[in-house]
PDB file of N, CA and C in Angstrom:
ATOM      1  N   MET A   1     -11.167 -26.466  41.515  1.00  0.00           N
ATOM      2  CA  MET A   1     -10.493 -25.294  42.290  1.00  0.00           C
ATOM      3  C   MET A   1     -11.008 -24.126  41.605  1.00  0.00           C
ATOM      4  N   LEU A   2     -11.990 -23.426  42.334  1.00  0.00           N
ATOM      5  CA  LEU A   2     -12.443 -22.126  41.871  1.00  0.00           C
ATOM      6  C   LEU A   2     -11.478 -21.031  41.815  1.00  0.00           C
ATOM      7  N   LEU A   3     -11.356 -20.397  40.697  1.00  0.00           N
ATOM      8  CA  LEU A   3     -10.773 -19.268  40.812  1.00  0.00           C
ATOM      9  C   LEU A   3     -10.620 -18.401  39.476  1.00  0.00           C
ATOM     10  N   PHE A   4     -10.208 -17.350  39.193  1.00  0.00           N
ATOM     11  CA  PHE A   4     -10.187 -16.516  38.131  1.00  0.00           C
ATOM     12  C   PHE A   4      -8.797 -16.928  37.059  1.00  0.00           C
ATOM     13  N   ALA A   5      -9.104 -17.948  36.809  1.00  0.00           N
ATOM     14  CA  ALA A   5      -7.837 -18.663  35.928  1.00  0.00           C
ATOM     15  C   ALA A   5      -7.426 -17.320  35.018  1.00  0.00           C
ATOM     16  N   ARG A   6      -6.246 -17.383  34.712  1.00  0.00           N
ATOM     17  CA  ARG A   6      -5.707 -16.363  33.952  1.00  0.00           C
ATOM     18  C   ARG A   6      -5.178 -17.252  32.625  1.00  0.00           C
ATOM     19  N   THR A   7      -5.283 -16.520  31.388  1.00  0.00           N
ATOM     20  CA  THR A   7      -4.796 -17.063  30.067  1.00  0.00           C
ATOM     21  C   THR A   7      -3.935 -15.961  29.473  1.00  0.00           C
ATOM     22  N   GLN A   8      -2.813 -16.333  28.992  1.00  0.00           N
ATOM     23  CA  GLN A   8      -1.820 -15.443  28.211  1.00  0.00           C
ATOM     24  C   GLN A   8      -2.598 -15.220  26.816  1.00  0.00           C
ATOM     25  N   THR A   9      -2.596 -14.076  26.466  1.00  0.00           N
ATOM     26  CA  THR A   9      -2.784 -13.429  25.175  1.00  0.00           C
ATOM     27  C   THR A   9      -1.801 -12.332  24.410  1.00  0.00           C
ATOM     28  N   GLN A  10      -1.192 -12.579  23.737  1.00  0.00           N
ATOM     29  CA  GLN A  10      -0.157 -11.428  23.291  1.00  0.00           C
ATOM     30  C   GLN A  10       0.369 -10.817  24.719  1.00  0.00           C
ATOM     31  N   GLY A  11       0.860 -11.817  25.508  1.00  0.00           N
ATOM     32  CA  GLY A  11       1.852 -11.301  26.741  1.00  0.00           C
ATOM     33  C   GLY A  11       1.100 -10.620  27.804  1.00  0.00           C
ATOM     34  N   VAL A  12      -0.395 -10.740  27.716  1.00  0.00           N
ATOM     35  CA  VAL A  12      -1.192  -9.931  28.542  1.00  0.00           C
ATOM     36  C   VAL A  12      -1.848 -10.823  29.208  1.00  0.00           C
ATOM     37  N   LEU A  13      -2.069 -11.100  30.510  1.00  0.00           N
ATOM     38  CA  LEU A  13      -2.857 -11.869  31.429  1.00  0.00           C
ATOM     39  C   LEU A  13      -4.227 -11.367  31.380  1.00  0.00           C
ATOM     40  N   LEU A  14      -5.193 -12.442  31.080  1.00  0.00           N
ATOM     41  CA  LEU A  14      -6.593 -11.999  31.029  1.00  0.00           C
ATOM     42  C   LEU A  14      -7.273 -13.161  31.888  1.00  0.00           C
ATOM     43  N   THR A  15      -8.216 -12.799  32.433  1.00  0.00           N
ATOM     44  CA  THR A  15      -9.091 -13.615  33.438  1.00  0.00           C
ATOM     45  C   THR A  15     -10.077 -14.244  32.333  1.00  0.00           C
ATOM     46  N   LYS A  16     -10.479 -15.772  32.673  1.00  0.00           N
ATOM     47  CA  LYS A  16     -11.327 -16.336  31.605  1.00  0.00           C
ATOM     48  C   LYS A  16     -12.529 -15.505  31.374  1.00  0.00           C
ATOM     49  N   LEU A  17     -13.167 -14.898  32.203  1.00  0.00           N
ATOM     50  CA  LEU A  17     -14.439 -13.898  32.086  1.00  0.00           C
ATOM     51  C   LEU A  17     -14.114 -12.664  31.183  1.00  0.00           C
ATOM     52  N   GLU A  18     -12.790 -12.104  31.306  1.00  0.00           N
ATOM     53  CA  GLU A  18     -12.456 -11.057  30.321  1.00  0.00           C
ATOM     54  C   GLU A  18     -12.171 -11.491  29.047  1.00  0.00           C
ATOM     55  N   LYS A  19     -11.563 -12.695  28.928  1.00  0.00           N
ATOM     56  CA  LYS A  19     -11.370 -13.335  27.518  1.00  0.00           C
ATOM     57  C   LYS A  19     -12.608 -13.546  26.875  1.00  0.00           C
ATOM     58  N   ILE A  20     -13.621 -14.081  27.281  1.00  0.00           N
ATOM     59  CA  ILE A  20     -15.030 -14.287  26.922  1.00  0.00           C
ATOM     60  C   ILE A  20     -15.589 -13.053  26.612  1.00  0.00           C
ATOM     61  N   LEU A  21     -15.468 -11.993  27.372  1.00  0.00           N
ATOM     62  CA  LEU A  21     -16.236 -10.981  26.918  1.00  0.00           C
ATOM     63  C   LEU A  21     -15.421 -10.195  25.995  1.00  0.00           C
ATOM     64  N   ILE A  22     -14.334 -10.230  25.592  1.00  0.00           N
ATOM     65  CA  ILE A  22     -13.558  -9.937  24.360  1.00  0.00           C
ATOM     66  C   ILE A  22     -13.821 -10.629  23.424  1.00  0.00           C
ATOM     67  N   GLU A  23     -13.911 -11.968  23.341  1.00  0.00           N
ATOM     68  CA  GLU A  23     -14.246 -12.665  22.140  1.00  0.00           C
ATOM     69  C   GLU A  23     -15.716 -12.844  21.680  1.00  0.00           C
ATOM     70  N   LYS A  24     -16.495 -12.266  22.716  1.00  0.00           N
ATOM     71  CA  LYS A  24     -18.159 -12.192  22.276  1.00  0.00           C
ATOM     72  C   LYS A  24     -18.150 -10.681  22.135  1.00  0.00           C
ATOM     73  N   GLU A  25     -17.054  -9.869  22.068  1.00  0.00           N
ATOM     74  CA  GLU A  25     -17.421  -8.335  21.887  1.00  0.00           C
ATOM     75  C   GLU A  25     -18.635  -7.772  22.422  1.00  0.00           C
ATOM     76  N   ILE A  26     -18.784  -8.213  23.807  1.00  0.00           N
ATOM     77  CA  ILE A  26     -19.413  -7.679  24.876  1.00  0.00           C
ATOM     78  C   ILE A  26     -18.911  -6.805  25.743  1.00  0.00           C
ATOM     79  N   LYS A  27     -19.944  -5.420  25.896  1.00  0.00           N
ATOM     80  CA  LYS A  27     -18.993  -4.557  26.725  1.00  0.00           C
ATOM     81  C   LYS A  27     -19.668  -4.920  28.220  1.00  0.00           C
ATOM     82  N   GLN A  28     -18.825  -4.332  29.156  1.00  0.00           N
ATOM     83  CA  GLN A  28     -18.661  -4.534  30.664  1.00  0.00           C
ATOM     84  C   GLN A  28     -19.987  -3.922  31.239  1.00  0.00           C
ATOM     85  N   THR A  29     -20.223  -2.761  30.528  1.00  0.00           N
ATOM     86  CA  THR A  29     -21.540  -1.920  30.800  1.00  0.00           C
ATOM     87  C   THR A  29     -22.481  -2.744  30.537  1.00  0.00           C
ATOM     88  N   TRP A  30     -22.675  -3.313  29.423  1.00  0.00           N
ATOM     89  CA  TRP A  30     -23.966  -4.192  28.922  1.00  0.00           C
ATOM     90  C   TRP A  30     -24.030  -5.100  30.270  1.00  0.00           C
ATOM     91  N   LEU A  31     -23.266  -5.858  30.362  1.00  0.00           N
ATOM     92  CA  LEU A  31     -23.213  -7.189  31.153  1.00  0.00           C
ATOM     93  C   LEU A  31     -23.713  -6.631  32.690  1.00  0.00           C
ATOM     94  N   ALA A  32     -23.060  -5.593  33.249  1.00  0.00           N
ATOM     95  CA  ALA A  32     -23.262  -4.858  34.338  1.00  0.00           C
ATOM     96  C   ALA A  32     -24.748  -4.885  34.646  1.00  0.00           C
ATOM     97  N   LYS A  33     -25.536  -4.034  33.635  1.00  0.00           N
ATOM     98  CA  LYS A  33     -26.745  -3.870  33.607  1.00  0.00           C
ATOM     99  C   LYS A  33     -27.694  -5.028  33.452  1.00  0.00           C
ATOM    100  N   LYS A  34     -26.924  -5.901  32.649  1.00  0.00           N
ATOM    101  CA  LYS A  34     -28.045  -7.317  32.591  1.00  0.00           C
ATOM    102  C   LYS A  34     -28.215  -8.099  33.787  1.00  0.00           C
ATOM    103  N   ILE A  35     -26.919  -7.900  34.641  1.00  0.00           N
ATOM    104  CA  ILE A  35     -27.003  -8.711  35.913  1.00  0.00           C
ATOM    105  C   ILE A  35     -27.365  -7.841  37.346  1.00  0.00           C
ATOM    106  N   ASN A  36     -27.686  -6.359  36.906  1.00  0.00           N
ATOM    107  CA  ASN A  36     -28.025  -5.419  37.990  1.00  0.00           C
ATOM    108  C   ASN A  36     -27.033  -5.253  39.020  1.00  0.00           C
ATOM    109  N   LYS A  37     -25.704  -4.905  38.572  1.00  0.00           N
ATOM    110  CA  LYS A  37     -24.686  -4.612  39.260  1.00  0.00           C
ATOM    111  C   LYS A  37     -24.033  -3.408  38.555  1.00  0.00           C
ATOM    112  N   SER A  38     -23.125  -2.685  39.454  1.00  0.00           N
ATOM    113  CA  SER A  38     -22.732  -1.502  39.013  1.00  0.00           C
ATOM    114  C   SER A  38     -21.291  -1.862  38.232  1.00  0.00           C
ATOM    115  N   PRO A  39     -20.903  -0.935  37.208  1.00  0.00           N
ATOM    116  CA  PRO A  39     -19.859  -1.338  36.215  1.00  0.00           C
ATOM    117  C   PRO A  39     -18.622  -1.648  37.071  1.00  0.00           C
ATOM    118  N   THR A  40     -18.491  -0.853  38.083  1.00  0.00           N
ATOM    119  CA  THR A  40     -17.433  -0.971  38.966  1.00  0.00           C
ATOM    120  C   THR A  40     -17.158  -2.256  39.555  1.00  0.00           C
ATOM    121  N   VAL A  41     -18.161  -2.719  40.199  1.00  0.00           N
ATOM    122  CA  VAL A  41     -18.187  -4.426  40.832  1.00  0.00           C
ATOM    123  C   VAL A  41     -17.686  -5.225  39.728  1.00  0.00           C
ATOM    124  N   LEU A  42     -18.331  -5.129  38.602  1.00  0.00           N
ATOM    125  CA  LEU A  42     -18.250  -5.917  37.421  1.00  0.00           C
ATOM    126  C   LEU A  42     -16.788  -6.056  36.928  1.00  0.00           C
ATOM    127  N   ASN A  43     -16.249  -4.813  37.148  1.00  0.00           N
ATOM    128  CA  ASN A  43     -14.728  -4.728  36.466  1.00  0.00           C
ATOM    129  C   ASN A  43     -13.734  -5.316  37.572  1.00  0.00           C
ATOM    130  N   ARG A  44     -14.245  -5.079  38.785  1.00  0.00           N
ATOM    131  CA  ARG A  44     -13.334  -5.942  39.598  1.00  0.00           C
ATOM    132  C   ARG A  44     -13.244  -7.255  39.626  1.00  0.00           C
ATOM    133  N   TRP A  45     -14.453  -8.024  39.076  1.00  0.00           N
ATOM    134  CA  TRP A  45     -14.424  -9.369  38.784  1.00  0.00           C
ATOM    135  C   TRP A  45     -13.854  -9.843  37.534  1.00  0.00           C
ATOM    136  N   VAL A  46     -13.766  -8.841  36.462  1.00  0.00           N
ATOM    137  CA  VAL A  46     -13.399  -9.115  35.327  1.00  0.00           C
ATOM    138  C   VAL A  46     -11.841  -8.884  35.317  1.00  0.00           C
ATOM    139  N   LYS A  47     -11.454  -8.248  36.234  1.00  0.00           N
ATOM    140  CA  LYS A  47      -9.894  -8.164  36.334  1.00  0.00           C
ATOM    141  C   LYS A  47      -9.440  -9.099  37.377  1.00  0.00           C
ATOM    142  N   GLY A  48     -10.303  -9.764  37.915  1.00  0.00           N
ATOM    143  CA  GLY A  48      -9.708 -10.791  39.037  1.00  0.00           C
ATOM    144  C   GLY A  48      -9.145  -9.975  40.313  1.00  0.00           C
ATOM    145  N   LYS A  49      -9.885  -8.788  40.518  1.00  0.00           N
ATOM    146  CA  LYS A  49      -9.423  -8.346  41.668  1.00  0.00           C
ATOM    147  C   LYS A  49     -10.497  -8.751  42.826  1.00  0.00           C
ATOM    148  N   ARG A  50     -11.647  -9.225  42.580  1.00  0.00           N
ATOM    149  CA  ARG A  50     -12.593  -9.752  43.541  1.00  0.00           C
ATOM    150  C   ARG A  50     -13.334 -10.966  42.990  1.00  0.00           C
ATOM    151  N   ILE A  51     -13.823 -11.682  43.731  1.00  0.00           N
ATOM    152  CA  ILE A  51     -14.477 -13.000  43.225  1.00  0.00           C
ATOM    153  C   ILE A  51     -16.007 -12.848  43.633  1.00  0.00           C
ATOM    154  N   PRO A  52     -16.961 -12.720  42.332  1.00  0.00           N
ATOM    155  CA  PRO A  52     -18.155 -12.772  42.786  1.00  0.00           C
ATOM    156  C   PRO A  52     -18.822 -14.066  43.729  1.00  0.00           C
ATOM    157  N   THR A  53     -20.009 -13.795  44.259  1.00  0.00           N
ATOM    158  CA  THR A  53     -20.895 -14.755  44.982  1.00  0.00           C
ATOM    159  C   THR A  53     -21.021 -15.933  43.963  1.00  0.00           C
ATOM    160  N   TYR A  54     -21.445 -17.027  44.279  1.00  0.00           N
ATOM    161  CA  TYR A  54     -21.695 -17.964  43.371  1.00  0.00           C
ATOM    162  C   TYR A  54     -23.214 -17.455  42.658  1.00  0.00           C
ATOM    163  N   LYS A  55     -23.973 -16.962  43.423  1.00  0.00           N
ATOM    164  CA  LYS A  55     -25.173 -16.488  43.093  1.00  0.00           C
ATOM    165  C   LYS A  55     -25.022 -15.488  41.902  1.00  0.00           C
ATOM    166  N   ASN A  56     -23.995 -14.744  42.116  1.00  0.00           N
ATOM    167  CA  ASN A  56     -23.647 -13.741  40.825  1.00  0.00           C
ATOM    168  C   ASN A  56     -22.930 -14.482  39.932  1.00  0.00           C
ATOM    169  N   MET A  57     -22.318 -15.501  40.044  1.00  0.00           N
ATOM    170  CA  MET A  57     -21.661 -16.306  39.028  1.00  0.00           C
ATOM    171  C   MET A  57     -22.830 -16.627  38.124  1.00  0.00           C
ATOM    172  N   LEU A  58     -23.828 -17.319  38.821  1.00  0.00           N
ATOM    173  CA  LEU A  58     -24.925 -17.986  38.019  1.00  0.00           C
ATOM    174  C   LEU A  58     -25.576 -16.576  37.267  1.00  0.00           C
ATOM    175  N   LYS A  59     -25.717 -15.604  37.618  1.00  0.00           N
ATOM    176  CA  LYS A  59     -26.352 -14.369  36.841  1.00  0.00           C
ATOM    177  C   LYS A  59     -25.410 -14.080  35.735  1.00  0.00           C
ATOM    178  N   ILE A  60     -24.134 -14.196  35.750  1.00  0.00           N
ATOM    179  CA  ILE A  60     -23.293 -14.092  34.565  1.00  0.00           C
ATOM    180  C   ILE A  60     -23.281 -15.079  33.562  1.00  0.00           C
ATOM    181  N   SER A  61     -23.275 -16.108  34.111  1.00  0.00           N
ATOM    182  CA  SER A  61     -23.371 -17.338  33.094  1.00  0.00           C
ATOM    183  C   SER A  61     -24.707 -17.532  32.548  1.00  0.00           C
ATOM    184  N   LYS A  62     -25.745 -17.196  33.189  1.00  0.00           N
ATOM    185  CA  LYS A  62     -27.243 -17.302  32.325  1.00  0.00           C
ATOM    186  C   LYS A  62     -27.151 -15.916  31.406  1.00  0.00           C
ATOM    187  N   ALA A  63     -26.613 -14.654  31.662  1.00  0.00           N
ATOM    188  CA  ALA A  63     -26.813 -13.530  30.907  1.00  0.00           C
ATOM    189  C   ALA A  63     -25.911 -13.998  29.666  1.00  0.00           C
ATOM    190  N   LEU A  64     -24.754 -14.540  29.942  1.00  0.00           N
ATOM    191  CA  LEU A  64     -23.533 -14.817  28.675  1.00  0.00           C
ATOM    192  C   LEU A  64     -24.132 -16.280  27.798  1.00  0.00           C
ATOM    193  N   ASN A  65     -25.071 -16.962  28.501  1.00  0.00           N
ATOM    194  CA  ASN A  65     -25.335 -18.234  28.000  1.00  0.00           C
ATOM    195  C   ASN A  65     -24.314 -19.237  27.786  1.00  0.00           C
ATOM    196  N   ILE A  66     -23.365 -19.028  28.945  1.00  0.00           N
ATOM    197  CA  ILE A  66     -22.121 -20.163  28.959  1.00  0.00           C
ATOM    198  C   ILE A  66     -22.287 -20.778  30.614  1.00  0.00           C
ATOM    199  N   PRO A  67     -21.950 -21.905  30.698  1.00  0.00           N
ATOM    200  CA  PRO A  67     -21.973 -22.757  31.932  1.00  0.00           C
ATOM    201  C   PRO A  67     -20.716 -22.226  32.938  1.00  0.00           C
ATOM    202  N   VAL A  68     -21.271 -21.995  34.192  1.00  0.00           N
ATOM    203  CA  VAL A  68     -20.544 -21.172  35.185  1.00  0.00           C
ATOM    204  C   VAL A  68     -19.019 -22.054  35.162  1.00  0.00           C
ATOM    205  N   GLU A  69     -19.024 -23.005  35.223  1.00  0.00           N
ATOM    206  CA  GLU A  69     -17.833 -23.838  35.093  1.00  0.00           C
ATOM    207  C   GLU A  69     -16.727 -23.395  34.018  1.00  0.00           C
ATOM    208  N   GLU A  70     -17.326 -23.182  32.934  1.00  0.00           N
ATOM    209  CA  GLU A  70     -16.643 -22.800  31.723  1.00  0.00           C
ATOM    210  C   GLU A  70     -15.935 -21.273  32.016  1.00  0.00           C
ATOM    211  N   ILE A  71     -16.767 -20.381  32.817  1.00  0.00           N
ATOM    212  CA  ILE A  71     -16.191 -19.238  33.049  1.00  0.00           C
ATOM    213  C   ILE A  71     -15.228 -18.938  34.131  1.00  0.00           C
ATOM    214  N   PHE A  72     -15.807 -19.591  35.416  1.00  0.00           N
ATOM    215  CA  PHE A  72     -15.039 -19.426  36.595  1.00  0.00           C
ATOM    216  C   PHE A  72     -14.189 -20.806  37.178  1.00  0.00           C
ATOM    217  N   PHE A  73     -13.862 -21.874  36.471  1.00  0.00           N
ATOM    218  CA  PHE A  73     -13.093 -22.828  37.150  1.00  0.00           C
ATOM    219  C   PHE A  73     -12.051 -22.963  36.010  1.00  0.00           C
ATOM    220  N   ASN A  74     -11.048 -23.813  36.546  1.00  0.00           N
ATOM    221  CA  ASN A  74      -9.787 -24.269  35.735  1.00  0.00           C
ATOM    222  C   ASN A  74     -10.354 -24.943  34.692  1.00  0.00           C
ATOM    223  N   ASP A  75      -9.386 -25.184  33.495  1.00  0.00           N
ATOM    224  CA  ASP A  75      -9.705 -25.504  32.508  1.00  0.00           C
ATOM    225  C   ASP A  75      -9.764 -27.288  32.749  1.00  0.00           C
ATOM    226  N   ASP A  76      -8.774 -27.659  33.814  1.00  0.00           N
ATOM    227  CA  ASP A  76      -8.344 -28.975  34.143  1.00  0.00           C
ATOM    228  C   ASP A  76      -9.338 -29.459  35.049  1.00  0.00           C
ATOM    229  N   VAL A  77     -10.269 -28.661  35.461  1.00  0.00           N
ATOM    230  CA  VAL A  77     -11.329 -29.198  36.552  1.00  0.00           C
ATOM    231  C   VAL A  77     -12.737 -29.757  35.647  1.00  0.00           C
ATOM    232  N   LYS A  78     -12.937 -31.027  35.980  1.00  0.00           N
ATOM    233  CA  LYS A  78     -14.038 -31.469  35.207  1.00  0.00           C
ATOM    234  C   LYS A  78     -15.062 -31.422  36.346  1.00  0.00           C
ATOM    235  N   VAL A  79     -16.247 -30.852  36.299  1.00  0.00           N
ATOM    236  CA  VAL A  79     -17.474 -31.064  37.061  1.00  0.00           C
ATOM    237  C   VAL A  79     -18.445 -31.927  36.121  1.00  0.00           C
ATOM    238  N   SER A  80     -18.561 -32.874  37.283  1.00  0.00           N
ATOM    239  CA  SER A  80     -19.422 -33.904  37.139  1.00  0.00           C
ATOM    240  C   SER A  80     -20.898 -33.704  37.471  1.00  0.00           C
ATOM    241  N   ALA A  81     -22.081 -34.045  36.547  1.00  0.00           N
ATOM    242  CA  ALA A  81     -23.232 -33.629  36.932  1.00  0.00           C
ATOM    243  C   ALA A  81     -23.941 -34.859  37.961  1.00  0.00           C
ATOM    244  N   LYS A  82     -22.976 -36.271  37.840  1.00  0.00           N
ATOM    245  CA  LYS A  82     -23.233 -37.060  38.810  1.00  0.00           C
ATOM    246  C   LYS A  82     -22.640 -36.754  40.216  1.00  0.00           C
ATOM    247  N   SER A  83     -23.548 -37.284  41.046  1.00  0.00           N
ATOM    248  CA  SER A  83     -23.089 -36.993  42.422  1.00  0.00           C
ATOM    249  C   SER A  83     -22.385 -38.626  42.965  1.00  0.00           C
ATOM    250  N   ASN A  84     -21.544 -38.536  43.865  1.00  0.00           N
ATOM    251  CA  ASN A  84     -20.895 -39.926  44.386  1.00  0.00           C
ATOM    252  C   ASN A  84     -22.050 -40.334  45.442  1.00  0.00           C
ATOM    253  N   TYR A  85     -22.976 -39.500  45.691  1.00  0.00           N
ATOM    254  CA  TYR A  85     -23.542 -40.025  46.970  1.00  0.00           C
ATOM    255  C   TYR A  85     -25.309 -40.635  46.036  1.00  0.00           C
ATOM    256  N   SER A  86     -25.709 -41.532  46.676  1.00  0.00           N
ATOM    257  CA  SER A  86     -27.044 -42.054  46.110  1.00  0.00           C
ATOM    258  C   SER A  86     -28.451 -41.185  46.471  1.00  0.00           C
ATOM    259  N   THR A  87     -29.141 -41.133  45.681  1.00  0.00           N
ATOM    260  CA  THR A  87     -30.426 -40.374  45.633  1.00  0.00           C
ATOM    261  C   THR A  87     -31.463 -41.209  46.527  1.00  0.00           C
ATOM    262  N   ASP A  88     -31.249 -42.497  46.715  1.00  0.00           N
ATOM    263  CA  ASP A  88     -32.162 -43.302  47.414  1.00  0.00           C
ATOM    264  C   ASP A  88     -31.529 -43.677  48.720  1.00  0.00           C
ATOM    265  N   ASN A  89     -32.499 -44.493  49.552  1.00  0.00           N
ATOM    266  CA  ASN A  89     -32.018 -44.941  50.577  1.00  0.00           C
ATOM    267  C   ASN A  89     -31.273 -46.239  50.864  1.00  0.00           C
ATOM    268  N   THR A  90     -30.774 -46.641  49.524  1.00  0.00           N
ATOM    269  CA  THR A  90     -29.825 -48.100  49.441  1.00  0.00           C
ATOM    270  C   THR A  90     -28.789 -48.054  50.324  1.00  0.00           C
ATOM    271  N   ASN A  91     -28.121 -46.770  50.553  1.00  0.00           N
ATOM    272  CA  ASN A  91     -26.808 -46.887  51.387  1.00  0.00           C
ATOM    273  C   ASN A  91     -26.765 -46.611  52.596  1.00  0.00           C
ATOM    274  N   ILE A  92     -27.919 -46.162  53.157  1.00  0.00           N
ATOM    275  CA  ILE A  92     -28.136 -45.621  54.643  1.00  0.00           C
ATOM    276  C   ILE A  92     -27.822 -46.937  55.298  1.00  0.00           C
ATOM    277  N   ASN A  93     -28.489 -48.184  54.987  1.00  0.00           N
ATOM    278  CA  ASN A  93     -28.449 -49.270  55.984  1.00  0.00           C
ATOM    279  C   ASN A  93     -27.023 -50.061  55.713  1.00  0.00           C
ATOM    280  N   ASN A  94     -26.121 -49.554  55.072  1.00  0.00           N
ATOM    281  CA  ASN A  94     -24.996 -50.341  55.025  1.00  0.00           C
ATOM    282  C   ASN A  94     -24.076 -50.863  55.906  1.00  0.00           C
ATOM    283  N   ASN A  95     -24.214 -49.694  57.099  1.00  0.00           N
ATOM    284  CA  ASN A  95     -23.541 -50.315  58.312  1.00  0.00           C
ATOM    285  C   ASN A  95     -24.158 -51.203  59.479  1.00  0.00           C
ATOM    286  N   LYS A  96     -25.497 -51.581  58.936  1.00  0.00           N
ATOM    287  CA  LYS A  96     -26.403 -52.618  59.858  1.00  0.00           C
ATOM    288  C   LYS A  96     -25.629 -53.948  59.775  1.00  0.00           C
ATOM    289  N   GLN A  97     -25.969 -54.546  60.916  1.00  0.00           N
ATOM    290  CA  GLN A  97     -25.514 -55.925  60.995  1.00  0.00           C
ATOM    291  C   GLN A  97     -26.794 -56.838  60.113  1.00  0.00           C
ATOM    292  N   PRO A  98     -26.069 -57.916  59.559  1.00  0.00           N
ATOM    293  CA  PRO A  98     -27.055 -58.603  58.964  1.00  0.00           C
ATOM    294  C   PRO A  98     -28.073 -59.268  59.465  1.00  0.00           C
ATOM    295  N   GLU A  99     -29.650 -59.442  59.075  1.00  0.00           N
ATOM    296  CA  GLU A  99     -30.466 -59.960  59.906  1.00  0.00           C
ATOM    297  C   GLU A  99     -30.231 -61.297  60.013  1.00  0.00           C
ATOM    298  N   LYS A 100     -30.845 -61.741  61.069  1.00  0.00           N
ATOM    299  CA  LYS A 100     -30.664 -63.252  61.485  1.00  0.00           C
ATOM    300  C   LYS A 100     -31.929 -63.856  61.148  1.00  0.00           C
TER     301      LYS A 100
END
């Protein structure tokens, strides 16, 4: 589930993005310039007032060198690189009647 999960730090609720910026001592103005967005827009994302597009999530992820999942998804969500779908054609013919 995608959301700006909040974490409690000394009685204050922070978004994960906000917590990362604080921990890494990164200023919002630096990140805004790095991803080519206004500081106002970035601040809305940091405070959880707006949710960035996936494209902008990727830009933030790249700028911070942190996986998107770690910044924008719940801690309890496990994102797997494996897909449930086959990449070959072996499953396409599953509904066919056996050849006689």
